[in-house]
Amino acid sequence: MLNCDRELLNSIDFEKGKGLVPVVVQDEKSGSVLMVAYANREALEKTIETGYAHYYSRSRQKIWKKGETSGNVQKVKRILLDCDSDTLLYVVEQEGVACHTGEYSCFFRTLAEREDE
């Protein structure tokens, strides 16, 4: 179970996102961004209660635990709330890979990059 600031928990603006907030997931050791998912209040509370990342699947319309079928779980070390109270950051210990493609991070393709002039 994670220690939780209930006052901050109650300040999260789930209504702005129609019941969901985006969750940015960051690797504790490397600082790399691993993925972005969504959580409703129930998924967040399960994360706090179990210490493992839970999200809300918009396509399946249900809560899921990261790694429940693959074994690539995310042990949550810290949860941070942004200044607008509408986005979360999970700092995690990633077991295995984060991306369903088999890549460690979902952010492995470069769309644009600055070239030195």
PDB file of N, CA and C in Angstrom:
ATOM      1  N   MET A   1       0.849  -1.182   0.000  1.00  0.00           N
ATOM      2  CA  MET A   1       0.000   0.000   0.000  1.00  0.00           C
ATOM      3  C   MET A   1       0.893   1.243   0.000  1.00  0.00           C
ATOM      4  N   LEU A   2       0.514   2.214  -0.797  1.00  0.00           N
ATOM      5  CA  LEU A   2       1.241   3.479  -0.861  1.00  0.00           C
ATOM      6  C   LEU A   2       0.676   4.456   0.162  1.00  0.00           C
ATOM      7  N   ASN A   3       1.531   5.257   0.763  1.00  0.00           N
ATOM      8  CA  ASN A   3       1.057   6.344   1.618  1.00  0.00           C
ATOM      9  C   ASN A   3       0.393   7.372   0.719  1.00  0.00           C
ATOM     10  N   CYS A   4      -0.771   7.835   1.118  1.00  0.00           N
ATOM     11  CA  CYS A   4      -1.548   8.708   0.245  1.00  0.00           C
ATOM     12  C   CYS A   4      -1.998   9.971   0.973  1.00  0.00           C
ATOM     13  N   ASP A   5      -1.819  11.114   0.311  1.00  0.00           N
ATOM     14  CA  ASP A   5      -2.332  12.391   0.796  1.00  0.00           C
ATOM     15  C   ASP A   5      -3.786  12.481   0.326  1.00  0.00           C
ATOM     16  N   ARG A   6      -4.709  12.182   1.207  1.00  0.00           N
ATOM     17  CA  ARG A   6      -6.138  12.133   0.848  1.00  0.00           C
ATOM     18  C   ARG A   6      -6.671  13.483   0.375  1.00  0.00           C
ATOM     19  N   GLU A   7      -6.131  14.552   0.900  1.00  0.00           N
ATOM     20  CA  GLU A   7      -6.563  15.881   0.461  1.00  0.00           C
ATOM     21  C   GLU A   7      -6.217  16.084  -1.014  1.00  0.00           C
ATOM     22  N   LEU A   8      -5.000  15.705  -1.405  1.00  0.00           N
ATOM     23  CA  LEU A   8      -4.610  15.803  -2.818  1.00  0.00           C
ATOM     24  C   LEU A   8      -5.433  14.847  -3.673  1.00  0.00           C
ATOM     25  N   LEU A   9      -5.655  13.634  -3.166  1.00  0.00           N
ATOM     26  CA  LEU A   9      -6.466  12.659  -3.900  1.00  0.00           C
ATOM     27  C   LEU A   9      -7.839  13.237  -4.212  1.00  0.00           C
ATOM     28  N   ASN A  10      -8.439  13.882  -3.242  1.00  0.00           N
ATOM     29  CA  ASN A  10      -9.775  14.454  -3.433  1.00  0.00           C
ATOM     30  C   ASN A  10      -9.778  15.691  -4.317  1.00  0.00           C
ATOM     31  N   SER A  11      -8.606  16.263  -4.574  1.00  0.00           N
ATOM     32  CA  SER A  11      -8.543  17.456  -5.422  1.00  0.00           C
ATOM     33  C   SER A  11      -8.389  17.123  -6.904  1.00  0.00           C
ATOM     34  N   ILE A  12      -8.207  15.854  -7.236  1.00  0.00           N
ATOM     35  CA  ILE A  12      -8.003  15.475  -8.639  1.00  0.00           C
ATOM     36  C   ILE A  12      -9.260  15.757  -9.442  1.00  0.00           C
ATOM     37  N   ASP A  13      -9.082  16.415 -10.586  1.00  0.00           N
ATOM     38  CA  ASP A  13     -10.201  16.820 -11.435  1.00  0.00           C
ATOM     39  C   ASP A  13     -10.497  15.746 -12.485  1.00  0.00           C
ATOM     40  N   PHE A  14     -11.218  14.709 -12.067  1.00  0.00           N
ATOM     41  CA  PHE A  14     -11.598  13.636 -12.991  1.00  0.00           C
ATOM     42  C   PHE A  14     -12.658  14.114 -13.983  1.00  0.00           C
ATOM     43  N   GLU A  15     -13.433  15.109 -13.612  1.00  0.00           N
ATOM     44  CA  GLU A  15     -14.540  15.564 -14.467  1.00  0.00           C
ATOM     45  C   GLU A  15     -14.067  16.231 -15.754  1.00  0.00           C
ATOM     46  N   LYS A  16     -12.924  16.890 -15.689  1.00  0.00           N
ATOM     47  CA  LYS A  16     -12.392  17.548 -16.886  1.00  0.00           C
ATOM     48  C   LYS A  16     -12.201  16.543 -18.022  1.00  0.00           C
ATOM     49  N   GLY A  17     -11.791  15.331 -17.672  1.00  0.00           N
ATOM     50  CA  GLY A  17     -11.556  14.276 -18.660  1.00  0.00           C
ATOM     51  C   GLY A  17     -12.679  13.262 -18.720  1.00  0.00           C
ATOM     52  N   LYS A  18     -13.889  13.687 -18.359  1.00  0.00           N
ATOM     53  CA  LYS A  18     -15.067  12.813 -18.380  1.00  0.00           C
ATOM     54  C   LYS A  18     -14.844  11.551 -17.558  1.00  0.00           C
ATOM     55  N   GLY A  19     -14.283  11.745 -16.356  1.00  0.00           N
ATOM     56  CA  GLY A  19     -14.087  10.640 -15.438  1.00  0.00           C
ATOM     57  C   GLY A  19     -12.690  10.026 -15.476  1.00  0.00           C
ATOM     58  N   LEU A  20     -11.863  10.489 -16.410  1.00  0.00           N
ATOM     59  CA  LEU A  20     -10.517   9.941 -16.564  1.00  0.00           C
ATOM     60  C   LEU A  20      -9.467  11.034 -16.479  1.00  0.00           C
ATOM     61  N   VAL A  21      -8.273  10.648 -16.033  1.00  0.00           N
ATOM     62  CA  VAL A  21      -7.119  11.543 -16.090  1.00  0.00           C
ATOM     63  C   VAL A  21      -5.991  10.804 -16.791  1.00  0.00           C
ATOM     64  N   PRO A  22      -5.180  11.536 -17.579  1.00  0.00           N
ATOM     65  CA  PRO A  22      -4.013  10.889 -18.185  1.00  0.00           C
ATOM     66  C   PRO A  22      -2.972  10.579 -17.115  1.00  0.00           C
ATOM     67  N   VAL A  23      -2.268   9.469 -17.327  1.00  0.00           N
ATOM     68  CA  VAL A  23      -1.194   9.055 -16.436  1.00  0.00           C
ATOM     69  C   VAL A  23       0.074   8.882 -17.273  1.00  0.00           C
ATOM     70  N   VAL A  24       1.071   9.708 -16.991  1.00  0.00           N
ATOM     71  CA  VAL A  24       2.381   9.568 -17.609  1.00  0.00           C
ATOM     72  C   VAL A  24       3.164   8.619 -16.709  1.00  0.00           C
ATOM     73  N   VAL A  25       3.850   7.651 -17.316  1.00  0.00           N
ATOM     74  CA  VAL A  25       4.572   6.651 -16.533  1.00  0.00           C
ATOM     75  C   VAL A  25       6.068   6.804 -16.804  1.00  0.00           C
ATOM     76  N   GLN A  26       6.827   6.964 -15.730  1.00  0.00           N
ATOM     77  CA  GLN A  26       8.265   7.227 -15.815  1.00  0.00           C
ATOM     78  C   GLN A  26       9.046   6.151 -15.073  1.00  0.00           C
ATOM     79  N   ASP A  27      10.133   5.690 -15.687  1.00  0.00           N
ATOM     80  CA  ASP A  27      11.019   4.721 -15.057  1.00  0.00           C
ATOM     81  C   ASP A  27      11.797   5.391 -13.935  1.00  0.00           C
ATOM     82  N   GLU A  28      11.758   4.806 -12.757  1.00  0.00           N
ATOM     83  CA  GLU A  28      12.415   5.390 -11.589  1.00  0.00           C
ATOM     84  C   GLU A  28      13.929   5.499 -11.778  1.00  0.00           C
ATOM     85  N   LYS A  29      14.550   4.492 -12.359  1.00  0.00           N
ATOM     86  CA  LYS A  29      16.012   4.461 -12.480  1.00  0.00           C
ATOM     87  C   LYS A  29      16.536   5.371 -13.586  1.00  0.00           C
ATOM     88  N   SER A  30      15.967   5.262 -14.776  1.00  0.00           N
ATOM     89  CA  SER A  30      16.498   5.995 -15.929  1.00  0.00           C
ATOM     90  C   SER A  30      15.863   7.359 -16.135  1.00  0.00           C
ATOM     91  N   GLY A  31      14.655   7.555 -15.613  1.00  0.00           N
ATOM     92  CA  GLY A  31      13.927   8.791 -15.852  1.00  0.00           C
ATOM     93  C   GLY A  31      13.193   8.789 -17.186  1.00  0.00           C
ATOM     94  N   SER A  32      13.301   7.700 -17.951  1.00  0.00           N
ATOM     95  CA  SER A  32      12.638   7.609 -19.253  1.00  0.00           C
ATOM     96  C   SER A  32      11.119   7.553 -19.104  1.00  0.00           C
ATOM     97  N   VAL A  33      10.434   8.182 -20.048  1.00  0.00           N
ATOM     98  CA  VAL A  33       8.980   8.059 -20.108  1.00  0.00           C
ATOM     99  C   VAL A  33       8.680   6.723 -20.768  1.00  0.00           C
ATOM    100  N   LEU A  34       7.898   5.892 -20.097  1.00  0.00           N
ATOM    101  CA  LEU A  34       7.610   4.554 -20.591  1.00  0.00           C
ATOM    102  C   LEU A  34       6.313   4.478 -21.388  1.00  0.00           C
ATOM    103  N   MET A  35       5.294   5.179 -20.925  1.00  0.00           N
ATOM    104  CA  MET A  35       3.991   5.082 -21.576  1.00  0.00           C
ATOM    105  C   MET A  35       3.065   6.170 -21.045  1.00  0.00           C
ATOM    106  N   VAL A  36       1.923   6.294 -21.679  1.00  0.00           N
ATOM    107  CA  VAL A  36       0.838   7.153 -21.208  1.00  0.00           C
ATOM    108  C   VAL A  36      -0.431   6.309 -21.238  1.00  0.00           C
ATOM    109  N   ALA A  37      -1.178   6.368 -20.154  1.00  0.00           N
ATOM    110  CA  ALA A  37      -2.434   5.630 -20.064  1.00  0.00           C
ATOM    111  C   ALA A  37      -3.448   6.525 -19.363  1.00  0.00           C
ATOM    112  N   TYR A  38      -4.590   5.973 -19.005  1.00  0.00           N
ATOM    113  CA  TYR A  38      -5.631   6.733 -18.324  1.00  0.00           C
ATOM    114  C   TYR A  38      -6.078   5.998 -17.069  1.00  0.00           C
ATOM    115  N   ALA A  39      -6.521   6.760 -16.092  1.00  0.00           N
ATOM    116  CA  ALA A  39      -7.047   6.176 -14.862  1.00  0.00           C
ATOM    117  C   ALA A  39      -8.324   6.896 -14.462  1.00  0.00           C
ATOM    118  N   ASN A  40      -9.279   6.129 -13.970  1.00  0.00           N
ATOM    119  CA  ASN A  40     -10.418   6.729 -13.286  1.00  0.00           C
ATOM    120  C   ASN A  40     -10.128   6.634 -11.791  1.00  0.00           C
ATOM    121  N   ARG A  41     -11.016   7.106 -10.971  1.00  0.00           N
ATOM    122  CA  ARG A  41     -10.747   7.108  -9.525  1.00  0.00           C
ATOM    123  C   ARG A  41     -10.552   5.690  -8.984  1.00  0.00           C
ATOM    124  N   GLU A  42     -11.341   4.755  -9.462  1.00  0.00           N
ATOM    125  CA  GLU A  42     -11.236   3.375  -8.980  1.00  0.00           C
ATOM    126  C   GLU A  42      -9.872   2.767  -9.328  1.00  0.00           C
ATOM    127  N   ALA A  43      -9.397   2.997 -10.545  1.00  0.00           N
ATOM    128  CA  ALA A  43      -8.081   2.478 -10.952  1.00  0.00           C
ATOM    129  C   ALA A  43      -6.976   3.103 -10.099  1.00  0.00           C
ATOM    130  N   LEU A  44      -7.092   4.392  -9.843  1.00  0.00           N
ATOM    131  CA  LEU A  44      -6.102   5.069  -9.006  1.00  0.00           C
ATOM    132  C   LEU A  44      -6.124   4.503  -7.588  1.00  0.00           C
ATOM    133  N   GLU A  45      -7.310   4.292  -7.047  1.00  0.00           N
ATOM    134  CA  GLU A  45      -7.407   3.744  -5.694  1.00  0.00           C
ATOM    135  C   GLU A  45      -6.836   2.330  -5.623  1.00  0.00           C
ATOM    136  N   LYS A  46      -7.036   1.513  -6.674  1.00  0.00           N
ATOM    137  CA  LYS A  46      -6.445   0.170  -6.712  1.00  0.00           C
ATOM    138  C   LYS A  46      -4.924   0.262  -6.761  1.00  0.00           C
ATOM    139  N   THR A  47      -4.410   1.238  -7.490  1.00  0.00           N
ATOM    140  CA  THR A  47      -2.968   1.451  -7.560  1.00  0.00           C
ATOM    141  C   THR A  47      -2.424   1.794  -6.177  1.00  0.00           C
ATOM    142  N   ILE A  48      -3.085   2.700  -5.500  1.00  0.00           N
ATOM    143  CA  ILE A  48      -2.660   3.109  -4.153  1.00  0.00           C
ATOM    144  C   ILE A  48      -2.748   1.929  -3.186  1.00  0.00           C
ATOM    145  N   GLU A  49      -3.824   1.168  -3.287  1.00  0.00           N
ATOM    146  CA  GLU A  49      -4.058   0.040  -2.380  1.00  0.00           C
ATOM    147  C   GLU A  49      -3.058  -1.095  -2.582  1.00  0.00           C
ATOM    148  N   THR A  50      -2.732  -1.415  -3.843  1.00  0.00           N
ATOM    149  CA  THR A  50      -1.892  -2.585  -4.137  1.00  0.00           C
ATOM    150  C   THR A  50      -0.419  -2.238  -4.344  1.00  0.00           C
ATOM    151  N   GLY A  51      -0.131  -0.994  -4.733  1.00  0.00           N
ATOM    152  CA  GLY A  51       1.241  -0.611  -5.060  1.00  0.00           C
ATOM    153  C   GLY A  51       1.633  -0.973  -6.478  1.00  0.00           C
ATOM    154  N   TYR A  52       0.699  -1.516  -7.257  1.00  0.00           N
ATOM    155  CA  TYR A  52       0.947  -1.856  -8.658  1.00  0.00           C
ATOM    156  C   TYR A  52       0.023  -1.036  -9.556  1.00  0.00           C
ATOM    157  N   ALA A  53       0.539  -0.639 -10.715  1.00  0.00           N
ATOM    158  CA  ALA A  53      -0.190   0.255 -11.609  1.00  0.00           C
ATOM    159  C   ALA A  53      -1.450  -0.397 -12.169  1.00  0.00           C
ATOM    160  N   HIS A  54      -2.546   0.323 -12.007  1.00  0.00           N
ATOM    161  CA  HIS A  54      -3.833  -0.043 -12.600  1.00  0.00           C
ATOM    162  C   HIS A  54      -4.294   1.132 -13.455  1.00  0.00           C
ATOM    163  N   TYR A  55      -4.930   0.818 -14.562  1.00  0.00           N
ATOM    164  CA  TYR A  55      -5.385   1.837 -15.500  1.00  0.00           C
ATOM    165  C   TYR A  55      -6.810   1.529 -15.917  1.00  0.00           C
ATOM    166  N   TYR A  56      -7.404   2.486 -16.642  1.00  0.00           N
ATOM    167  CA  TYR A  56      -8.730   2.274 -17.206  1.00  0.00           C
ATOM    168  C   TYR A  56      -8.588   2.187 -18.715  1.00  0.00           C
ATOM    169  N   SER A  57      -9.023   1.076 -19.276  1.00  0.00           N
ATOM    170  CA  SER A  57      -8.974   0.880 -20.721  1.00  0.00           C
ATOM    171  C   SER A  57     -10.175   1.550 -21.373  1.00  0.00           C
ATOM    172  N   ARG A  58      -9.896   2.542 -22.205  1.00  0.00           N
ATOM    173  CA  ARG A  58     -10.992   3.234 -22.890  1.00  0.00           C
ATOM    174  C   ARG A  58     -11.636   2.337 -23.937  1.00  0.00           C
ATOM    175  N   SER A  59     -10.873   1.441 -24.559  1.00  0.00           N
ATOM    176  CA  SER A  59     -11.447   0.572 -25.589  1.00  0.00           C
ATOM    177  C   SER A  59     -12.253  -0.579 -24.979  1.00  0.00           C
ATOM    178  N   ARG A  60     -11.765  -1.146 -23.883  1.00  0.00           N
ATOM    179  CA  ARG A  60     -12.458  -2.266 -23.243  1.00  0.00           C
ATOM    180  C   ARG A  60     -13.444  -1.817 -22.173  1.00  0.00           C
ATOM    181  N   GLN A  61     -13.360  -0.521 -21.815  1.00  0.00           N
ATOM    182  CA  GLN A  61     -14.260   0.037 -20.801  1.00  0.00           C
ATOM    183  C   GLN A  61     -14.163  -0.701 -19.469  1.00  0.00           C
ATOM    184  N   LYS A  62     -12.905  -0.973 -19.041  1.00  0.00           N
ATOM    185  CA  LYS A  62     -12.722  -1.638 -17.758  1.00  0.00           C
ATOM    186  C   LYS A  62     -11.333  -1.350 -17.203  1.00  0.00           C
ATOM    187  N   ILE A  63     -11.185  -1.597 -15.912  1.00  0.00           N
ATOM    188  CA  ILE A  63      -9.909  -1.406 -15.231  1.00  0.00           C
ATOM    189  C   ILE A  63      -9.012  -2.605 -15.527  1.00  0.00           C
ATOM    190  N   TRP A  64      -7.733  -2.321 -15.708  1.00  0.00           N
ATOM    191  CA  TRP A  64      -6.771  -3.401 -15.921  1.00  0.00           C
ATOM    192  C   TRP A  64      -5.477  -3.125 -15.152  1.00  0.00           C
ATOM    193  N   LYS A  65      -4.855  -4.193 -14.706  1.00  0.00           N
ATOM    194  CA  LYS A  65      -3.560  -4.098 -14.031  1.00  0.00           C
ATOM    195  C   LYS A  65      -2.485  -4.285 -15.082  1.00  0.00           C
ATOM    196  N   LYS A  66      -1.552  -3.345 -15.150  1.00  0.00           N
ATOM    197  CA  LYS A  66      -0.448  -3.452 -16.099  1.00  0.00           C
ATOM    198  C   LYS A  66       0.312  -4.743 -15.811  1.00  0.00           C
ATOM    199  N   GLY A  67       0.449  -5.580 -16.821  1.00  0.00           N
ATOM    200  CA  GLY A  67       1.193  -6.824 -16.692  1.00  0.00           C
ATOM    201  C   GLY A  67       0.380  -8.008 -16.224  1.00  0.00           C
ATOM    202  N   GLU A  68      -0.937  -7.860 -16.107  1.00  0.00           N
ATOM    203  CA  GLU A  68      -1.738  -8.975 -15.594  1.00  0.00           C
ATOM    204  C   GLU A  68      -1.685 -10.198 -16.502  1.00  0.00           C
ATOM    205  N   THR A  69      -1.458 -10.006 -17.791  1.00  0.00           N
ATOM    206  CA  THR A  69      -1.316 -11.160 -18.681  1.00  0.00           C
ATOM    207  C   THR A  69       0.128 -11.365 -19.131  1.00  0.00           C
ATOM    208  N   SER A  70       0.879 -10.287 -19.297  1.00  0.00           N
ATOM    209  CA  SER A  70       2.265 -10.389 -19.795  1.00  0.00           C
ATOM    210  C   SER A  70       3.292 -10.633 -18.703  1.00  0.00           C
ATOM    211  N   GLY A  71       2.946 -10.264 -17.477  1.00  0.00           N
ATOM    212  CA  GLY A  71       3.913 -10.346 -16.391  1.00  0.00           C
ATOM    213  C   GLY A  71       4.788  -9.108 -16.271  1.00  0.00           C
ATOM    214  N   ASN A  72       4.632  -8.155 -17.178  1.00  0.00           N
ATOM    215  CA  ASN A  72       5.424  -6.919 -17.181  1.00  0.00           C
ATOM    216  C   ASN A  72       4.776  -5.867 -16.289  1.00  0.00           C
ATOM    217  N   VAL A  73       4.805  -6.119 -14.996  1.00  0.00           N
ATOM    218  CA  VAL A  73       4.120  -5.252 -14.047  1.00  0.00           C
ATOM    219  C   VAL A  73       4.917  -3.990 -13.745  1.00  0.00           C
ATOM    220  N   GLN A  74       4.223  -3.023 -13.199  1.00  0.00           N
ATOM    221  CA  GLN A  74       4.836  -1.758 -12.784  1.00  0.00           C
ATOM    222  C   GLN A  74       4.599  -1.569 -11.297  1.00  0.00           C
ATOM    223  N   LYS A  75       5.684  -1.625 -10.530  1.00  0.00           N
ATOM    224  CA  LYS A  75       5.606  -1.372  -9.094  1.00  0.00           C
ATOM    225  C   LYS A  75       5.719   0.132  -8.908  1.00  0.00           C
ATOM    226  N   VAL A  76       4.676   0.740  -8.378  1.00  0.00           N
ATOM    227  CA  VAL A  76       4.611   2.195  -8.257  1.00  0.00           C
ATOM    228  C   VAL A  76       5.370   2.643  -7.013  1.00  0.00           C
ATOM    229  N   LYS A  77       6.332   3.547  -7.235  1.00  0.00           N
ATOM    230  CA  LYS A  77       7.144   4.089  -6.147  1.00  0.00           C
ATOM    231  C   LYS A  77       6.584   5.409  -5.637  1.00  0.00           C
ATOM    232  N   ARG A  78       6.106   6.234  -6.555  1.00  0.00           N
ATOM    233  CA  ARG A  78       5.534   7.545  -6.209  1.00  0.00           C
ATOM    234  C   ARG A  78       4.461   7.893  -7.223  1.00  0.00           C
ATOM    235  N   ILE A  79       3.485   8.661  -6.760  1.00  0.00           N
ATOM    236  CA  ILE A  79       2.474   9.238  -7.645  1.00  0.00           C
ATOM    237  C   ILE A  79       2.508  10.737  -7.431  1.00  0.00           C
ATOM    238  N   LEU A  80       2.697  11.460  -8.514  1.00  0.00           N
ATOM    239  CA  LEU A  80       2.706  12.923  -8.438  1.00  0.00           C
ATOM    240  C   LEU A  80       1.519  13.472  -9.209  1.00  0.00           C
ATOM    241  N   LEU A  81       1.029  14.612  -8.751  1.00  0.00           N
ATOM    242  CA  LEU A  81      -0.120  15.283  -9.354  1.00  0.00           C
ATOM    243  C   LEU A  81       0.347  16.610  -9.926  1.00  0.00           C
ATOM    244  N   ASP A  82      -0.065  16.919 -11.152  1.00  0.00           N
ATOM    245  CA  ASP A  82       0.374  18.175 -11.773  1.00  0.00           C
ATOM    246  C   ASP A  82      -0.326  19.379 -11.155  1.00  0.00           C
ATOM    247  N   CYS A  83       0.124  20.574 -11.551  1.00  0.00           N
ATOM    248  CA  CYS A  83      -0.351  21.826 -10.965  1.00  0.00           C
ATOM    249  C   CYS A  83      -1.836  22.100 -11.219  1.00  0.00           C
ATOM    250  N   ASP A  84      -2.408  21.527 -12.293  1.00  0.00           N
ATOM    251  CA  ASP A  84      -3.825  21.734 -12.595  1.00  0.00           C
ATOM    252  C   ASP A  84      -4.713  20.635 -12.005  1.00  0.00           C
ATOM    253  N   SER A  85      -4.105  19.684 -11.328  1.00  0.00           N
ATOM    254  CA  SER A  85      -4.816  18.565 -10.703  1.00  0.00           C
ATOM    255  C   SER A  85      -5.599  17.722 -11.702  1.00  0.00           C
ATOM    256  N   ASP A  86      -5.053  17.606 -12.934  1.00  0.00           N
ATOM    257  CA  ASP A  86      -5.769  16.804 -13.932  1.00  0.00           C
ATOM    258  C   ASP A  86      -4.874  15.821 -14.698  1.00  0.00           C
ATOM    259  N   THR A  87      -3.634  15.633 -14.237  1.00  0.00           N
ATOM    260  CA  THR A  87      -2.726  14.671 -14.846  1.00  0.00           C
ATOM    261  C   THR A  87      -1.847  14.076 -13.750  1.00  0.00           C
ATOM    262  N   LEU A  88      -1.625  12.762 -13.835  1.00  0.00           N
ATOM    263  CA  LEU A  88      -0.802  12.068 -12.854  1.00  0.00           C
ATOM    264  C   LEU A  88       0.513  11.618 -13.477  1.00  0.00           C
ATOM    265  N   LEU A  89       1.523  11.477 -12.633  1.00  0.00           N
ATOM    266  CA  LEU A  89       2.796  10.889 -13.018  1.00  0.00           C
ATOM    267  C   LEU A  89       3.052   9.726 -12.074  1.00  0.00           C
ATOM    268  N   TYR A  90       3.133   8.520 -12.647  1.00  0.00           N
ATOM    269  CA  TYR A  90       3.517   7.352 -11.860  1.00  0.00           C
ATOM    270  C   TYR A  90       5.011   7.146 -12.075  1.00  0.00           C
ATOM    271  N   VAL A  91       5.772   7.149 -11.008  1.00  0.00           N
ATOM    272  CA  VAL A  91       7.189   6.804 -11.062  1.00  0.00           C
ATOM    273  C   VAL A  91       7.255   5.344 -10.646  1.00  0.00           C
ATOM    274  N   VAL A  92       7.763   4.491 -11.555  1.00  0.00           N
ATOM    275  CA  VAL A  92       7.637   3.052 -11.363  1.00  0.00           C
ATOM    276  C   VAL A  92       8.959   2.305 -11.476  1.00  0.00           C
ATOM    277  N   GLU A  93       8.943   1.124 -10.900  1.00  0.00           N
ATOM    278  CA  GLU A  93       9.970   0.125 -11.145  1.00  0.00           C
ATOM    279  C   GLU A  93       9.343  -0.827 -12.153  1.00  0.00           C
ATOM    280  N   GLN A  94       9.835  -0.776 -13.393  1.00  0.00           N
ATOM    281  CA  GLN A  94       9.265  -1.581 -14.470  1.00  0.00           C
ATOM    282  C   GLN A  94       9.880  -2.970 -14.458  1.00  0.00           C
ATOM    283  N   GLU A  95       9.043  -3.990 -14.429  1.00  0.00           N
ATOM    284  CA  GLU A  95       9.500  -5.372 -14.550  1.00  0.00           C
ATOM    285  C   GLU A  95       9.210  -5.813 -15.976  1.00  0.00           C
ATOM    286  N   GLY A  96      10.256  -6.098 -16.732  1.00  0.00           N
ATOM    287  CA  GLY A  96      10.079  -6.439 -18.140  1.00  0.00           C
ATOM    288  C   GLY A  96       9.942  -5.175 -18.957  1.00  0.00           C
ATOM    289  N   VAL A  97       9.174  -5.259 -20.031  1.00  0.00           N
ATOM    290  CA  VAL A  97       8.996  -4.116 -20.929  1.00  0.00           C
ATOM    291  C   VAL A  97       7.663  -3.427 -20.648  1.00  0.00           C
ATOM    292  N   ALA A  98       7.565  -2.160 -21.039  1.00  0.00           N
ATOM    293  CA  ALA A  98       6.320  -1.414 -20.832  1.00  0.00           C
ATOM    294  C   ALA A  98       5.404  -1.477 -22.051  1.00  0.00           C
ATOM    295  N   CYS A  99       5.980  -1.584 -23.233  1.00  0.00           N
ATOM    296  CA  CYS A  99       5.194  -1.492 -24.472  1.00  0.00           C
ATOM    297  C   CYS A  99       4.704  -2.860 -24.944  1.00  0.00           C
ATOM    298  N   HIS A 100       3.480  -2.875 -25.462  1.00  0.00           N
ATOM    299  CA  HIS A 100       2.896  -4.117 -25.972  1.00  0.00           C
ATOM    300  C   HIS A 100       3.620  -4.635 -27.211  1.00  0.00           C
ATOM    301  N   THR A 101       4.472  -3.793 -27.825  1.00  0.00           N
ATOM    302  CA  THR A 101       5.224  -4.217 -29.019  1.00  0.00           C
ATOM    303  C   THR A 101       6.481  -4.998 -28.655  1.00  0.00           C
ATOM    304  N   GLY A 102       6.829  -4.993 -27.362  1.00  0.00           N
ATOM    305  CA  GLY A 102       8.051  -5.646 -26.922  1.00  0.00           C
ATOM    306  C   GLY A 102       9.185  -4.671 -26.669  1.00  0.00           C
ATOM    307  N   GLU A 103       8.975  -3.395 -27.015  1.00  0.00           N
ATOM    308  CA  GLU A 103       9.969  -2.357 -26.732  1.00  0.00           C
ATOM    309  C   GLU A 103       9.881  -1.998 -25.250  1.00  0.00           C
ATOM    310  N   TYR A 104      10.997  -1.535 -24.696  1.00  0.00           N
ATOM    311  CA  TYR A 104      11.006  -1.174 -23.280  1.00  0.00           C
ATOM    312  C   TYR A 104      10.055  -0.005 -23.006  1.00  0.00           C
ATOM    313  N   SER A 105      10.076   1.000 -23.876  1.00  0.00           N
ATOM    314  CA  SER A 105       9.211   2.170 -23.754  1.00  0.00           C
ATOM    315  C   SER A 105       8.298   2.238 -24.973  1.00  0.00           C
ATOM    316  N   CYS A 106       7.125   2.797 -24.798  1.00  0.00           N
ATOM    317  CA  CYS A 106       6.228   3.021 -25.943  1.00  0.00           C
ATOM    318  C   CYS A 106       6.763   4.126 -26.855  1.00  0.00           C
ATOM    319  N   PHE A 107       7.702   4.921 -26.361  1.00  0.00           N
ATOM    320  CA  PHE A 107       8.248   6.040 -27.123  1.00  0.00           C
ATOM    321  C   PHE A 107       9.604   5.650 -27.700  1.00  0.00           C
ATOM    322  N   PHE A 108       9.562   4.883 -28.794  1.00  0.00           N
ATOM    323  CA  PHE A 108      10.794   4.409 -29.420  1.00  0.00           C
ATOM    324  C   PHE A 108      10.936   4.867 -30.871  1.00  0.00           C
ATOM    325  N   ARG A 109       9.968   5.595 -31.395  1.00  0.00           N
ATOM    326  CA  ARG A 109      10.022   6.078 -32.776  1.00  0.00           C
ATOM    327  C   ARG A 109      10.210   7.593 -32.787  1.00  0.00           C
ATOM    328  N   THR A 110      11.177   8.060 -33.574  1.00  0.00           N
ATOM    329  CA  THR A 110      11.458   9.493 -33.644  1.00  0.00           C
ATOM    330  C   THR A 110      10.674  10.123 -34.790  1.00  0.00           C
ATOM    331  N   LEU A 111       9.798  11.034 -34.471  1.00  0.00           N
ATOM    332  CA  LEU A 111       8.992  11.735 -35.462  1.00  0.00           C
ATOM    333  C   LEU A 111       9.760  12.912 -36.034  1.00  0.00           C
ATOM    334  N   ALA A 112      10.405  13.685 -35.199  1.00  0.00           N
ATOM    335  CA  ALA A 112      11.153  14.866 -35.638  1.00  0.00           C
ATOM    336  C   ALA A 112      12.340  15.064 -34.703  1.00  0.00           C
ATOM    337  N   GLU A 113      13.394  15.644 -35.270  1.00  0.00           N
ATOM    338  CA  GLU A 113      14.597  15.857 -34.493  1.00  0.00           C
ATOM    339  C   GLU A 113      15.319  17.069 -35.044  1.00  0.00           C
ATOM    340  N   ARG A 114      15.809  17.903 -34.183  1.00  0.00           N
ATOM    341  CA  ARG A 114      16.526  19.093 -34.610  1.00  0.00           C
ATOM    342  C   ARG A 114      17.911  18.710 -35.107  1.00  0.00           C
ATOM    343  N   GLU A 115      18.252  19.251 -36.258  1.00  0.00           N
ATOM    344  CA  GLU A 115      19.590  19.044 -36.801  1.00  0.00           C
ATOM    345  C   GLU A 115      20.419  20.295 -36.494  1.00  0.00           C
ATOM    346  N   ASP A 116      21.641  20.094 -36.038  1.00  0.00           N
ATOM    347  CA  ASP A 116      22.518  21.239 -35.795  1.00  0.00           C
ATOM    348  C   ASP A 116      22.842  21.902 -37.131  1.00  0.00           C
ATOM    349  N   GLU A 117      22.805  23.230 -37.092  1.00  0.00           N
ATOM    350  CA  GLU A 117      23.026  23.991 -38.347  1.00  0.00           C
ATOM    351  C   GLU A 117      24.471  24.316 -38.535  1.00  0.00           C
TER     352      GLU A 117
END
